[in-house]
C-alpha cells in the first residue's frame, strides 16, 4: 500500500506540474490561476496547495523531479558502465511520455515552442527555476560522487559533472525549441549533447 500511495502522489504531482506548464504555454503566465491548474489535473485547489506553494513552483517542479529521477536512475546503473554512458541512459529514461502528457498533449511544435519560450522568460519564474536547478545539480552531484568514489566536500569533479550534465540538457532542450517543425527528437539531442561533453567538447571541423 505504501508503494501504491507514493506512486499516486508522484502521478498527481506530475499531473499538476504538466498542467501548469501546458496552460502557461497556452495562455501566458498571468492568465493562469491555481484553480485552472487544479481543474486541468482533475484535483481540487486544496490538493494543489498540498503539493506546491505557487504556480511558479509547480512549473519548475517538472525539471526538478526529472533531474532527481535521473540521479536515482544513475545509482541503479551497472557499476562497470562508463560514467557518461550511465548518465546518458539515466537522463533518457526521464524523457518518456507520462500519462499526464498523454492526457493533455502539447499542440503543434511551433505554437508550443513559442509558448514555452515565453514561459521561460517570465520574470516571476526565475527564482523557482534557479532553486530547482540548484537542488537538481546537488542531488546529481551526490550520485556522481558515490559512483566515482569522490568527495563532495573536497573534489570539484562531481559538481562539475552535474553542472555539465545540467547544461547539456538545457542546451538540448533549447535547441529542440528553436528547431523547425518537425524538430529533431529530444532524445537524440540529449544523446549528442552528452556525447560532445564526454568527448571534451572537441572543436568541430571547419
N, C-alpha and C. Protein backbone atom coordinates (compact mmCIF):
# COMPACT_ATOMS: atom_id res chain seq x y z
N UNK A 1 0.83 -1.21 0.00
CA UNK A 1 0.00 0.00 0.00
C UNK A 1 0.86 1.26 0.00
N UNK A 2 1.99 1.21 0.72
CA UNK A 2 2.86 2.38 0.75
C UNK A 2 3.39 2.70 -0.63
N UNK A 3 3.79 1.67 -1.37
CA UNK A 3 4.29 1.88 -2.73
C UNK A 3 3.22 2.45 -3.64
N UNK A 4 2.00 1.95 -3.52
CA UNK A 4 0.90 2.45 -4.34
C UNK A 4 0.60 3.90 -3.99
N UNK A 5 0.59 4.22 -2.70
CA UNK A 5 0.30 5.59 -2.27
C UNK A 5 1.37 6.55 -2.79
N UNK A 6 2.62 6.16 -2.70
CA UNK A 6 3.70 7.03 -3.19
C UNK A 6 3.61 7.22 -4.69
N UNK A 7 3.25 6.15 -5.41
CA UNK A 7 3.12 6.25 -6.86
C UNK A 7 1.98 7.20 -7.24
N UNK A 8 0.88 7.11 -6.52
CA UNK A 8 -0.25 8.00 -6.80
C UNK A 8 0.10 9.45 -6.50
N UNK A 9 0.87 9.67 -5.45
CA UNK A 9 1.30 11.03 -5.13
C UNK A 9 2.21 11.58 -6.22
N UNK A 10 3.12 10.72 -6.71
CA UNK A 10 4.02 11.15 -7.78
C UNK A 10 3.23 11.45 -9.05
N UNK A 11 2.20 10.65 -9.33
CA UNK A 11 1.37 10.89 -10.52
C UNK A 11 0.59 12.19 -10.40
N UNK A 12 0.08 12.48 -9.21
CA UNK A 12 -0.65 13.74 -9.00
C UNK A 12 0.29 14.93 -9.14
N UNK A 13 1.47 14.82 -8.57
CA UNK A 13 2.45 15.91 -8.68
C UNK A 13 2.83 16.14 -10.14
N UNK A 14 3.05 15.06 -10.88
CA UNK A 14 3.41 15.18 -12.30
C UNK A 14 2.27 15.80 -13.09
N UNK A 15 1.04 15.41 -12.79
CA UNK A 15 -0.12 15.96 -13.50
C UNK A 15 -0.26 17.45 -13.24
N UNK A 16 -0.04 17.87 -12.00
CA UNK A 16 -0.14 19.29 -11.66
C UNK A 16 0.99 20.08 -12.32
N UNK A 17 2.20 19.54 -12.29
CA UNK A 17 3.32 20.23 -12.92
C UNK A 17 3.13 20.39 -14.41
N UNK A 18 2.68 19.32 -15.06
CA UNK A 18 2.46 19.39 -16.50
C UNK A 18 1.30 20.33 -16.84
N UNK A 19 0.23 20.29 -16.06
CA UNK A 19 -0.90 21.19 -16.31
C UNK A 19 -0.46 22.64 -16.18
N UNK A 20 0.39 22.93 -15.20
CA UNK A 20 0.88 24.30 -15.02
C UNK A 20 1.68 24.75 -16.23
N UNK A 21 2.54 23.88 -16.73
CA UNK A 21 3.34 24.22 -17.92
C UNK A 21 2.45 24.36 -19.14
N UNK A 22 1.58 23.39 -19.34
CA UNK A 22 0.73 23.37 -20.53
C UNK A 22 -0.16 24.62 -20.61
N UNK A 23 -0.80 24.95 -19.50
CA UNK A 23 -1.70 26.11 -19.51
C UNK A 23 -0.93 27.42 -19.64
N UNK A 24 0.23 27.50 -18.99
CA UNK A 24 1.03 28.72 -19.09
C UNK A 24 1.55 28.93 -20.50
N UNK A 25 2.02 27.85 -21.14
CA UNK A 25 2.48 27.96 -22.53
C UNK A 25 1.34 28.34 -23.46
N UNK A 26 0.16 27.93 -23.12
CA UNK A 26 -1.01 28.19 -23.97
C UNK A 26 -1.59 29.59 -23.76
N UNK A 27 -1.66 30.05 -22.51
CA UNK A 27 -2.39 31.27 -22.18
C UNK A 27 -1.50 32.43 -21.73
N UNK A 28 -0.28 32.14 -21.29
CA UNK A 28 0.56 33.17 -20.68
C UNK A 28 0.49 33.07 -19.16
N UNK A 29 1.59 33.39 -18.51
CA UNK A 29 1.70 33.18 -17.06
C UNK A 29 0.62 33.90 -16.27
N UNK A 30 0.35 35.14 -16.61
CA UNK A 30 -0.60 35.94 -15.83
C UNK A 30 -2.04 35.52 -16.04
N UNK A 31 -2.29 34.69 -17.03
CA UNK A 31 -3.66 34.28 -17.35
C UNK A 31 -3.99 32.88 -16.85
N UNK A 32 -3.16 32.35 -15.97
CA UNK A 32 -3.38 31.02 -15.41
C UNK A 32 -3.48 31.14 -13.89
N UNK A 33 -4.54 30.57 -13.33
CA UNK A 33 -4.74 30.57 -11.88
C UNK A 33 -4.47 29.18 -11.33
N UNK A 34 -4.23 29.11 -10.04
CA UNK A 34 -4.08 27.82 -9.38
C UNK A 34 -5.32 26.98 -9.61
N UNK A 35 -6.49 27.61 -9.58
CA UNK A 35 -7.74 26.88 -9.79
C UNK A 35 -7.79 26.24 -11.18
N UNK A 36 -7.24 26.94 -12.17
CA UNK A 36 -7.20 26.39 -13.54
C UNK A 36 -6.31 25.16 -13.61
N UNK A 37 -5.15 25.25 -12.95
CA UNK A 37 -4.21 24.13 -12.96
C UNK A 37 -4.82 22.91 -12.28
N UNK A 38 -5.44 23.13 -11.12
CA UNK A 38 -6.06 22.03 -10.39
C UNK A 38 -7.16 21.38 -11.22
N UNK A 39 -7.99 22.20 -11.84
CA UNK A 39 -9.08 21.65 -12.66
C UNK A 39 -8.53 20.82 -13.82
N UNK A 40 -7.50 21.32 -14.48
CA UNK A 40 -6.91 20.59 -15.61
C UNK A 40 -6.31 19.26 -15.17
N UNK A 41 -5.79 19.21 -13.95
CA UNK A 41 -5.19 17.98 -13.41
C UNK A 41 -6.22 17.07 -12.76
N UNK A 42 -7.46 17.54 -12.65
CA UNK A 42 -8.52 16.72 -12.08
C UNK A 42 -8.49 16.63 -10.58
N UNK A 43 -7.98 17.67 -9.93
CA UNK A 43 -7.96 17.69 -8.47
C UNK A 43 -8.49 19.04 -7.98
N UNK A 44 -8.57 19.19 -6.67
CA UNK A 44 -9.06 20.43 -6.09
C UNK A 44 -7.92 21.41 -5.87
N UNK A 45 -8.24 22.72 -5.76
CA UNK A 45 -7.20 23.69 -5.42
C UNK A 45 -6.52 23.37 -4.08
N UNK A 46 -7.27 22.78 -3.17
CA UNK A 46 -6.67 22.39 -1.89
C UNK A 46 -5.59 21.33 -2.10
N UNK A 47 -5.87 20.40 -3.00
CA UNK A 47 -4.87 19.38 -3.30
C UNK A 47 -3.62 20.02 -3.93
N UNK A 48 -3.84 20.99 -4.83
CA UNK A 48 -2.70 21.71 -5.40
C UNK A 48 -1.84 22.27 -4.29
N UNK A 49 -2.46 22.91 -3.31
CA UNK A 49 -1.71 23.55 -2.22
C UNK A 49 -1.00 22.55 -1.32
N UNK A 50 -1.43 21.28 -1.37
CA UNK A 50 -0.71 20.25 -0.62
C UNK A 50 0.62 19.90 -1.28
N UNK A 51 0.74 20.22 -2.57
CA UNK A 51 1.94 19.86 -3.31
C UNK A 51 2.84 21.06 -3.58
N UNK A 52 2.25 22.21 -3.83
CA UNK A 52 3.02 23.38 -4.26
C UNK A 52 2.54 24.63 -3.55
N UNK A 53 3.47 25.56 -3.34
CA UNK A 53 3.11 26.83 -2.71
C UNK A 53 2.73 27.89 -3.73
N UNK A 54 3.00 27.64 -5.02
CA UNK A 54 2.70 28.62 -6.06
C UNK A 54 2.70 27.94 -7.42
N UNK A 55 2.14 28.64 -8.41
CA UNK A 55 2.18 28.07 -9.77
C UNK A 55 3.60 28.07 -10.31
N UNK A 56 4.44 29.01 -9.88
CA UNK A 56 5.84 29.01 -10.31
C UNK A 56 6.55 27.75 -9.83
N UNK A 57 6.30 27.36 -8.60
CA UNK A 57 6.91 26.13 -8.08
C UNK A 57 6.41 24.91 -8.85
N UNK A 58 5.13 24.92 -9.20
CA UNK A 58 4.57 23.80 -9.97
C UNK A 58 5.23 23.70 -11.33
N UNK A 59 5.45 24.82 -11.99
CA UNK A 59 6.10 24.82 -13.30
C UNK A 59 7.53 24.30 -13.19
N UNK A 60 8.26 24.78 -12.20
CA UNK A 60 9.66 24.38 -12.04
C UNK A 60 9.80 22.93 -11.58
N UNK A 61 8.74 22.37 -11.03
CA UNK A 61 8.83 21.02 -10.46
C UNK A 61 9.14 19.96 -11.50
N UNK A 62 8.74 20.18 -12.73
CA UNK A 62 8.95 19.14 -13.74
C UNK A 62 10.45 18.94 -13.99
N UNK A 63 11.19 20.02 -14.10
CA UNK A 63 12.64 19.90 -14.28
C UNK A 63 13.28 19.29 -13.04
N UNK A 64 12.86 19.74 -11.86
CA UNK A 64 13.44 19.23 -10.62
C UNK A 64 13.19 17.74 -10.49
N UNK A 65 11.95 17.32 -10.67
CA UNK A 65 11.61 15.91 -10.49
C UNK A 65 12.32 15.02 -11.51
N UNK A 66 12.40 15.50 -12.74
CA UNK A 66 13.10 14.73 -13.77
C UNK A 66 14.58 14.57 -13.41
N UNK A 67 15.18 15.62 -12.89
CA UNK A 67 16.59 15.57 -12.50
C UNK A 67 16.81 14.66 -11.30
N UNK A 68 15.90 14.70 -10.33
CA UNK A 68 16.02 13.82 -9.17
C UNK A 68 15.89 12.36 -9.59
N UNK A 69 15.00 12.10 -10.53
CA UNK A 69 14.87 10.73 -11.04
C UNK A 69 16.12 10.31 -11.81
N UNK A 70 16.75 11.26 -12.50
CA UNK A 70 18.00 10.95 -13.20
C UNK A 70 19.06 10.52 -12.20
N UNK A 71 19.18 11.23 -11.10
CA UNK A 71 20.15 10.86 -10.07
C UNK A 71 19.85 9.48 -9.50
N UNK A 72 18.58 9.21 -9.25
CA UNK A 72 18.20 7.89 -8.73
C UNK A 72 18.51 6.80 -9.75
N UNK A 73 18.22 7.07 -11.02
CA UNK A 73 18.50 6.08 -12.07
C UNK A 73 19.99 5.85 -12.23
N UNK A 74 20.80 6.90 -12.06
CA UNK A 74 22.25 6.75 -12.15
C UNK A 74 22.76 5.80 -11.08
N UNK A 75 22.18 5.88 -9.90
CA UNK A 75 22.60 5.00 -8.81
C UNK A 75 22.28 3.54 -9.12
N UNK A 76 21.32 3.30 -10.01
CA UNK A 76 20.92 1.94 -10.34
C UNK A 76 21.65 1.37 -11.55
N UNK A 77 22.43 2.19 -12.24
CA UNK A 77 23.14 1.71 -13.43
C UNK A 77 24.27 0.75 -13.04
N UNK A 78 24.65 -0.16 -13.95
CA UNK A 78 25.73 -1.11 -13.64
C UNK A 78 27.01 -0.39 -13.23
N UNK A 79 27.68 -0.92 -12.22
CA UNK A 79 28.86 -0.26 -11.66
C UNK A 79 29.99 -0.12 -12.68
N UNK A 80 30.11 -1.08 -13.60
CA UNK A 80 31.21 -1.04 -14.56
C UNK A 80 30.95 -0.18 -15.78
N UNK A 81 29.78 0.42 -15.88
CA UNK A 81 29.45 1.24 -17.04
C UNK A 81 30.19 2.57 -16.97
N UNK A 82 30.75 3.04 -18.09
CA UNK A 82 31.40 4.36 -18.07
C UNK A 82 30.42 5.43 -17.60
N UNK A 83 30.96 6.42 -16.90
CA UNK A 83 30.10 7.42 -16.26
C UNK A 83 29.15 8.10 -17.23
N UNK A 84 29.67 8.61 -18.36
CA UNK A 84 28.80 9.37 -19.26
C UNK A 84 27.83 8.47 -20.02
N UNK A 85 28.19 7.20 -20.19
CA UNK A 85 27.24 6.24 -20.75
C UNK A 85 26.08 6.05 -19.78
N UNK A 86 26.43 5.89 -18.50
CA UNK A 86 25.40 5.72 -17.46
C UNK A 86 24.55 6.97 -17.32
N UNK A 87 25.19 8.14 -17.34
CA UNK A 87 24.45 9.40 -17.23
C UNK A 87 23.48 9.58 -18.39
N UNK A 88 23.93 9.26 -19.60
CA UNK A 88 23.07 9.39 -20.77
C UNK A 88 21.85 8.50 -20.64
N UNK A 89 22.07 7.25 -20.29
CA UNK A 89 20.96 6.32 -20.14
C UNK A 89 20.00 6.76 -19.04
N UNK A 90 20.56 7.22 -17.92
CA UNK A 90 19.72 7.67 -16.80
C UNK A 90 18.89 8.88 -17.19
N UNK A 91 19.48 9.81 -17.93
CA UNK A 91 18.75 11.01 -18.34
C UNK A 91 17.66 10.66 -19.35
N UNK A 92 17.97 9.81 -20.32
CA UNK A 92 17.00 9.48 -21.36
C UNK A 92 15.78 8.77 -20.80
N UNK A 93 15.96 8.01 -19.73
CA UNK A 93 14.82 7.32 -19.10
C UNK A 93 13.73 8.30 -18.68
N UNK A 94 14.12 9.54 -18.39
CA UNK A 94 13.18 10.51 -17.82
C UNK A 94 12.40 11.27 -18.89
N UNK A 95 12.68 11.01 -20.16
CA UNK A 95 12.01 11.76 -21.21
C UNK A 95 10.95 10.93 -21.94
N UNK A 96 10.54 9.82 -21.35
CA UNK A 96 9.41 9.09 -21.89
C UNK A 96 8.13 9.83 -21.50
N UNK A 97 7.14 9.76 -22.36
CA UNK A 97 5.88 10.46 -22.10
C UNK A 97 5.12 9.78 -20.96
N UNK A 98 4.79 10.54 -19.95
CA UNK A 98 3.98 10.01 -18.86
C UNK A 98 2.50 10.13 -19.17
N UNK A 99 1.65 9.54 -18.33
CA UNK A 99 0.20 9.61 -18.56
C UNK A 99 -0.34 11.03 -18.54
N UNK A 100 0.33 11.92 -17.81
CA UNK A 100 -0.14 13.31 -17.76
C UNK A 100 0.00 13.98 -19.12
N UNK A 101 1.04 13.62 -19.89
CA UNK A 101 1.22 14.20 -21.22
C UNK A 101 0.24 13.58 -22.20
N UNK A 102 -0.01 12.28 -22.06
CA UNK A 102 -0.98 11.63 -22.92
C UNK A 102 -2.37 12.22 -22.71
N UNK A 103 -2.67 12.59 -21.45
CA UNK A 103 -3.99 13.15 -21.14
C UNK A 103 -4.13 14.59 -21.63
N UNK A 104 -3.01 15.31 -21.72
CA UNK A 104 -3.02 16.70 -22.15
C UNK A 104 -1.86 16.94 -23.10
N UNK A 105 -1.96 16.44 -24.34
CA UNK A 105 -0.84 16.55 -25.27
C UNK A 105 -0.55 17.99 -25.66
N UNK A 106 0.71 18.25 -25.97
CA UNK A 106 1.10 19.59 -26.40
C UNK A 106 0.64 19.83 -27.83
N UNK A 107 0.43 21.09 -28.23
CA UNK A 107 -0.02 21.40 -29.59
C UNK A 107 1.12 21.28 -30.60
N UNK A 108 0.89 21.75 -31.80
CA UNK A 108 1.91 21.71 -32.85
C UNK A 108 3.19 22.39 -32.36
N UNK A 109 4.32 21.92 -32.86
CA UNK A 109 5.62 22.33 -32.31
C UNK A 109 5.82 23.84 -32.31
N UNK A 110 5.52 24.51 -33.40
CA UNK A 110 5.78 25.95 -33.48
C UNK A 110 5.00 26.71 -32.42
N UNK A 111 3.74 26.37 -32.26
CA UNK A 111 2.91 27.03 -31.24
C UNK A 111 3.42 26.70 -29.84
N UNK A 112 3.75 25.44 -29.61
CA UNK A 112 4.24 25.01 -28.31
C UNK A 112 5.56 25.69 -27.97
N UNK A 113 6.48 25.71 -28.91
CA UNK A 113 7.80 26.31 -28.66
C UNK A 113 7.67 27.79 -28.33
N UNK A 114 6.81 28.50 -29.03
CA UNK A 114 6.60 29.93 -28.76
C UNK A 114 6.09 30.13 -27.35
N UNK A 115 5.14 29.30 -26.94
CA UNK A 115 4.57 29.42 -25.60
C UNK A 115 5.56 29.08 -24.52
N UNK A 116 6.36 28.05 -24.73
CA UNK A 116 7.34 27.63 -23.73
C UNK A 116 8.44 28.67 -23.59
N UNK A 117 8.91 29.23 -24.72
CA UNK A 117 9.94 30.26 -24.64
C UNK A 117 9.43 31.47 -23.86
N UNK A 118 8.18 31.87 -24.10
CA UNK A 118 7.61 33.00 -23.35
C UNK A 118 7.52 32.65 -21.87
N UNK A 119 7.15 31.42 -21.55
CA UNK A 119 7.05 30.99 -20.16
C UNK A 119 8.42 31.04 -19.48
N UNK A 120 9.45 30.54 -20.15
CA UNK A 120 10.78 30.51 -19.56
C UNK A 120 11.37 31.89 -19.34
N UNK A 121 10.89 32.86 -20.10
CA UNK A 121 11.37 34.24 -19.96
C UNK A 121 10.60 35.01 -18.89
N UNK A 122 9.57 34.42 -18.31
CA UNK A 122 8.74 35.10 -17.33
C UNK A 122 9.55 35.42 -16.06
N UNK A 123 9.68 36.70 -15.70
CA UNK A 123 10.47 37.06 -14.51
C UNK A 123 10.01 36.39 -13.23
N UNK A 124 8.70 36.19 -13.09
CA UNK A 124 8.17 35.60 -11.86
C UNK A 124 8.62 34.16 -11.65
N UNK A 125 9.11 33.54 -12.71
CA UNK A 125 9.54 32.14 -12.62
C UNK A 125 11.01 31.98 -12.26
N UNK A 126 11.79 33.03 -12.41
CA UNK A 126 13.24 32.87 -12.36
C UNK A 126 13.74 32.35 -11.01
N UNK A 127 13.18 32.81 -9.93
CA UNK A 127 13.62 32.36 -8.62
C UNK A 127 13.40 30.86 -8.43
N UNK A 128 12.21 30.38 -8.79
CA UNK A 128 11.93 28.95 -8.66
C UNK A 128 12.77 28.12 -9.62
N UNK A 129 13.03 28.63 -10.81
CA UNK A 129 13.86 27.90 -11.76
C UNK A 129 15.28 27.75 -11.22
N UNK A 130 15.84 28.82 -10.66
CA UNK A 130 17.19 28.75 -10.09
C UNK A 130 17.24 27.79 -8.92
N UNK A 131 16.21 27.82 -8.09
CA UNK A 131 16.15 26.91 -6.94
C UNK A 131 16.08 25.46 -7.42
N UNK A 132 15.26 25.20 -8.43
CA UNK A 132 15.13 23.83 -8.95
C UNK A 132 16.46 23.34 -9.52
N UNK A 133 17.13 24.19 -10.27
CA UNK A 133 18.41 23.80 -10.86
C UNK A 133 19.44 23.50 -9.77
N UNK A 134 19.48 24.33 -8.74
CA UNK A 134 20.45 24.13 -7.65
C UNK A 134 20.19 22.81 -6.93
N UNK A 135 18.93 22.53 -6.61
CA UNK A 135 18.59 21.28 -5.92
C UNK A 135 18.90 20.08 -6.81
N UNK A 136 18.57 20.21 -8.09
CA UNK A 136 18.80 19.11 -9.02
C UNK A 136 20.28 18.81 -9.17
N UNK A 137 21.10 19.84 -9.33
CA UNK A 137 22.53 19.63 -9.51
C UNK A 137 23.16 19.06 -8.23
N UNK A 138 22.68 19.47 -7.08
CA UNK A 138 23.23 18.96 -5.83
C UNK A 138 22.98 17.46 -5.70
N UNK A 139 21.77 17.03 -6.05
CA UNK A 139 21.45 15.61 -5.95
C UNK A 139 22.22 14.79 -6.98
N UNK A 140 22.33 15.32 -8.20
CA UNK A 140 23.08 14.61 -9.23
C UNK A 140 24.56 14.54 -8.86
N UNK A 141 25.10 15.61 -8.31
CA UNK A 141 26.50 15.60 -7.88
C UNK A 141 26.73 14.54 -6.80
N UNK A 142 25.78 14.39 -5.89
CA UNK A 142 25.91 13.37 -4.85
C UNK A 142 25.93 11.98 -5.46
N UNK A 143 25.09 11.75 -6.47
CA UNK A 143 25.07 10.44 -7.13
C UNK A 143 26.38 10.19 -7.89
N UNK A 144 26.90 11.23 -8.53
CA UNK A 144 28.17 11.09 -9.25
C UNK A 144 29.31 10.81 -8.26
N UNK A 145 29.30 11.49 -7.13
CA UNK A 145 30.34 11.27 -6.12
C UNK A 145 30.31 9.83 -5.62
N UNK A 146 29.12 9.30 -5.38
CA UNK A 146 29.00 7.91 -4.93
C UNK A 146 29.56 6.96 -5.99
N UNK A 147 29.24 7.25 -7.24
CA UNK A 147 29.65 6.34 -8.32
C UNK A 147 31.15 6.39 -8.57
N UNK A 148 31.74 7.55 -8.41
CA UNK A 148 33.16 7.72 -8.75
C UNK A 148 34.08 7.67 -7.54
N UNK A 149 33.54 7.53 -6.35
CA UNK A 149 34.37 7.49 -5.16
C UNK A 149 35.03 8.81 -4.84
N UNK A 150 34.41 9.90 -5.26
CA UNK A 150 34.96 11.23 -4.97
C UNK A 150 34.21 11.84 -3.78
N UNK A 151 34.76 12.92 -3.27
CA UNK A 151 34.23 13.55 -2.06
C UNK A 151 33.67 14.91 -2.42
N UNK A 152 32.37 15.10 -2.16
CA UNK A 152 31.73 16.38 -2.47
C UNK A 152 32.38 17.55 -1.74
N UNK A 153 32.93 17.28 -0.58
CA UNK A 153 33.50 18.36 0.22
C UNK A 153 34.87 18.81 -0.28
N UNK A 154 35.60 17.91 -0.94
CA UNK A 154 36.98 18.24 -1.32
C UNK A 154 37.25 18.17 -2.82
N UNK A 155 36.41 17.46 -3.57
CA UNK A 155 36.64 17.29 -5.00
C UNK A 155 35.64 18.10 -5.83
N UNK A 156 36.13 18.80 -6.81
CA UNK A 156 35.23 19.54 -7.70
C UNK A 156 34.53 18.64 -8.71
N UNK A 157 35.12 17.49 -8.98
CA UNK A 157 34.68 16.65 -10.09
C UNK A 157 33.17 16.36 -10.11
N UNK A 158 32.57 15.86 -9.03
CA UNK A 158 31.14 15.53 -9.12
C UNK A 158 30.25 16.73 -9.41
N UNK A 159 30.61 17.89 -8.86
CA UNK A 159 29.82 19.08 -9.12
C UNK A 159 30.01 19.58 -10.54
N UNK A 160 31.23 19.44 -11.07
CA UNK A 160 31.47 19.81 -12.46
C UNK A 160 30.67 18.92 -13.40
N UNK A 161 30.65 17.62 -13.12
CA UNK A 161 29.87 16.69 -13.96
C UNK A 161 28.40 17.04 -13.90
N UNK A 162 27.88 17.28 -12.70
CA UNK A 162 26.46 17.60 -12.55
C UNK A 162 26.11 18.89 -13.29
N UNK A 163 26.97 19.90 -13.17
CA UNK A 163 26.72 21.17 -13.85
C UNK A 163 26.78 21.00 -15.36
N UNK A 164 27.75 20.20 -15.83
CA UNK A 164 27.88 19.96 -17.27
C UNK A 164 26.68 19.20 -17.81
N UNK A 165 26.23 18.20 -17.06
CA UNK A 165 25.06 17.43 -17.49
C UNK A 165 23.81 18.30 -17.52
N UNK A 166 23.65 19.14 -16.50
CA UNK A 166 22.51 20.05 -16.44
C UNK A 166 22.53 21.02 -17.62
N UNK A 167 23.72 21.56 -17.91
CA UNK A 167 23.85 22.49 -19.04
C UNK A 167 23.58 21.79 -20.36
N UNK A 168 24.04 20.55 -20.50
CA UNK A 168 23.83 19.80 -21.74
C UNK A 168 22.35 19.57 -22.00
N UNK A 169 21.61 19.21 -20.96
CA UNK A 169 20.17 19.01 -21.12
C UNK A 169 19.49 20.34 -21.47
N UNK A 170 19.88 21.42 -20.79
CA UNK A 170 19.28 22.72 -21.07
C UNK A 170 19.53 23.16 -22.51
N UNK A 171 20.77 22.96 -22.99
CA UNK A 171 21.09 23.34 -24.36
C UNK A 171 20.32 22.48 -25.35
N UNK A 172 20.22 21.18 -25.08
CA UNK A 172 19.47 20.28 -25.96
C UNK A 172 18.00 20.69 -26.03
N UNK A 173 17.43 21.04 -24.90
CA UNK A 173 16.02 21.43 -24.88
C UNK A 173 15.83 22.78 -25.59
N UNK A 174 16.78 23.70 -25.40
CA UNK A 174 16.70 24.97 -26.11
C UNK A 174 16.81 24.77 -27.61
N UNK A 175 17.70 23.87 -28.03
CA UNK A 175 17.85 23.57 -29.46
C UNK A 175 16.56 22.96 -30.00
N UNK A 176 15.95 22.11 -29.19
CA UNK A 176 14.68 21.49 -29.58
C UNK A 176 13.60 22.56 -29.81
N UNK A 177 13.50 23.51 -28.90
CA UNK A 177 12.50 24.57 -29.03
C UNK A 177 12.78 25.45 -30.24
N UNK A 178 14.05 25.66 -30.56
CA UNK A 178 14.42 26.54 -31.67
C UNK A 178 14.36 25.84 -33.03
N UNK A 179 14.19 24.53 -33.03
CA UNK A 179 14.20 23.78 -34.28
C UNK A 179 12.93 24.04 -35.08
N UNK A 180 13.07 23.87 -36.38
CA UNK A 180 11.90 23.97 -37.24
C UNK A 180 11.04 22.72 -37.08
N UNK A 181 9.82 22.80 -37.53
CA UNK A 181 8.88 21.70 -37.41
C UNK A 181 9.03 20.76 -38.62
N UNK A 182 9.23 19.46 -38.44
CA UNK A 182 9.32 18.77 -37.15
C UNK A 182 10.72 18.86 -36.55
N UNK A 183 10.82 18.99 -35.24
CA UNK A 183 12.15 19.10 -34.61
C UNK A 183 12.82 17.74 -34.52
N UNK A 184 14.12 17.77 -34.31
CA UNK A 184 14.84 16.52 -34.02
C UNK A 184 14.34 15.98 -32.69
N UNK A 185 14.24 14.68 -32.53
CA UNK A 185 13.78 14.12 -31.25
C UNK A 185 14.66 14.58 -30.10
N UNK A 186 14.04 14.92 -28.99
CA UNK A 186 14.80 15.42 -27.84
C UNK A 186 15.79 14.37 -27.36
N UNK A 187 15.44 13.09 -27.47
CA UNK A 187 16.35 12.03 -27.03
C UNK A 187 17.65 12.07 -27.85
N UNK A 188 17.53 12.30 -29.15
CA UNK A 188 18.73 12.37 -29.99
C UNK A 188 19.59 13.58 -29.62
N UNK A 189 18.94 14.70 -29.35
CA UNK A 189 19.68 15.91 -29.00
C UNK A 189 20.42 15.75 -27.67
N UNK A 190 19.77 15.14 -26.70
CA UNK A 190 20.41 14.93 -25.40
C UNK A 190 21.59 13.96 -25.54
N UNK A 191 21.38 12.89 -26.30
CA UNK A 191 22.46 11.93 -26.53
C UNK A 191 23.66 12.61 -27.17
N UNK A 192 23.41 13.44 -28.16
CA UNK A 192 24.50 14.13 -28.85
C UNK A 192 25.19 15.12 -27.92
N UNK A 193 24.40 15.86 -27.14
CA UNK A 193 24.98 16.84 -26.21
C UNK A 193 25.88 16.15 -25.19
N UNK A 194 25.41 15.05 -24.62
CA UNK A 194 26.21 14.32 -23.63
C UNK A 194 27.47 13.75 -24.28
N UNK A 195 27.34 13.26 -25.51
CA UNK A 195 28.50 12.69 -26.20
C UNK A 195 29.57 13.76 -26.43
N UNK A 196 29.15 14.96 -26.80
CA UNK A 196 30.12 16.03 -27.03
C UNK A 196 30.82 16.43 -25.73
N UNK A 197 30.06 16.50 -24.64
CA UNK A 197 30.67 16.83 -23.35
C UNK A 197 31.64 15.73 -22.93
N UNK A 198 31.22 14.47 -23.07
CA UNK A 198 32.06 13.35 -22.67
C UNK A 198 33.35 13.31 -23.48
N UNK A 199 33.29 13.79 -24.71
CA UNK A 199 34.48 13.80 -25.57
C UNK A 199 35.39 14.99 -25.30
N UNK A 200 34.97 15.84 -24.36
CA UNK A 200 35.79 17.02 -24.04
C UNK A 200 35.50 18.22 -24.91
N UNK A 201 34.36 18.23 -25.58
CA UNK A 201 33.97 19.33 -26.46
C UNK A 201 35.06 19.67 -27.47
N UNK A 202 35.47 18.69 -28.28
CA UNK A 202 36.47 18.99 -29.30
C UNK A 202 35.93 20.00 -30.32
N UNK A 203 36.80 20.81 -30.85
CA UNK A 203 36.36 21.81 -31.84
C UNK A 203 35.83 21.08 -33.07
N UNK A 204 34.68 21.53 -33.60
CA UNK A 204 34.13 20.87 -34.79
C UNK A 204 35.01 21.16 -36.00
N UNK A 205 34.99 20.27 -37.00
CA UNK A 205 35.78 20.51 -38.20
C UNK A 205 35.29 21.75 -38.93
N UNK A 206 36.21 22.49 -39.52
CA UNK A 206 35.80 23.69 -40.26
C UNK A 206 35.18 23.30 -41.60
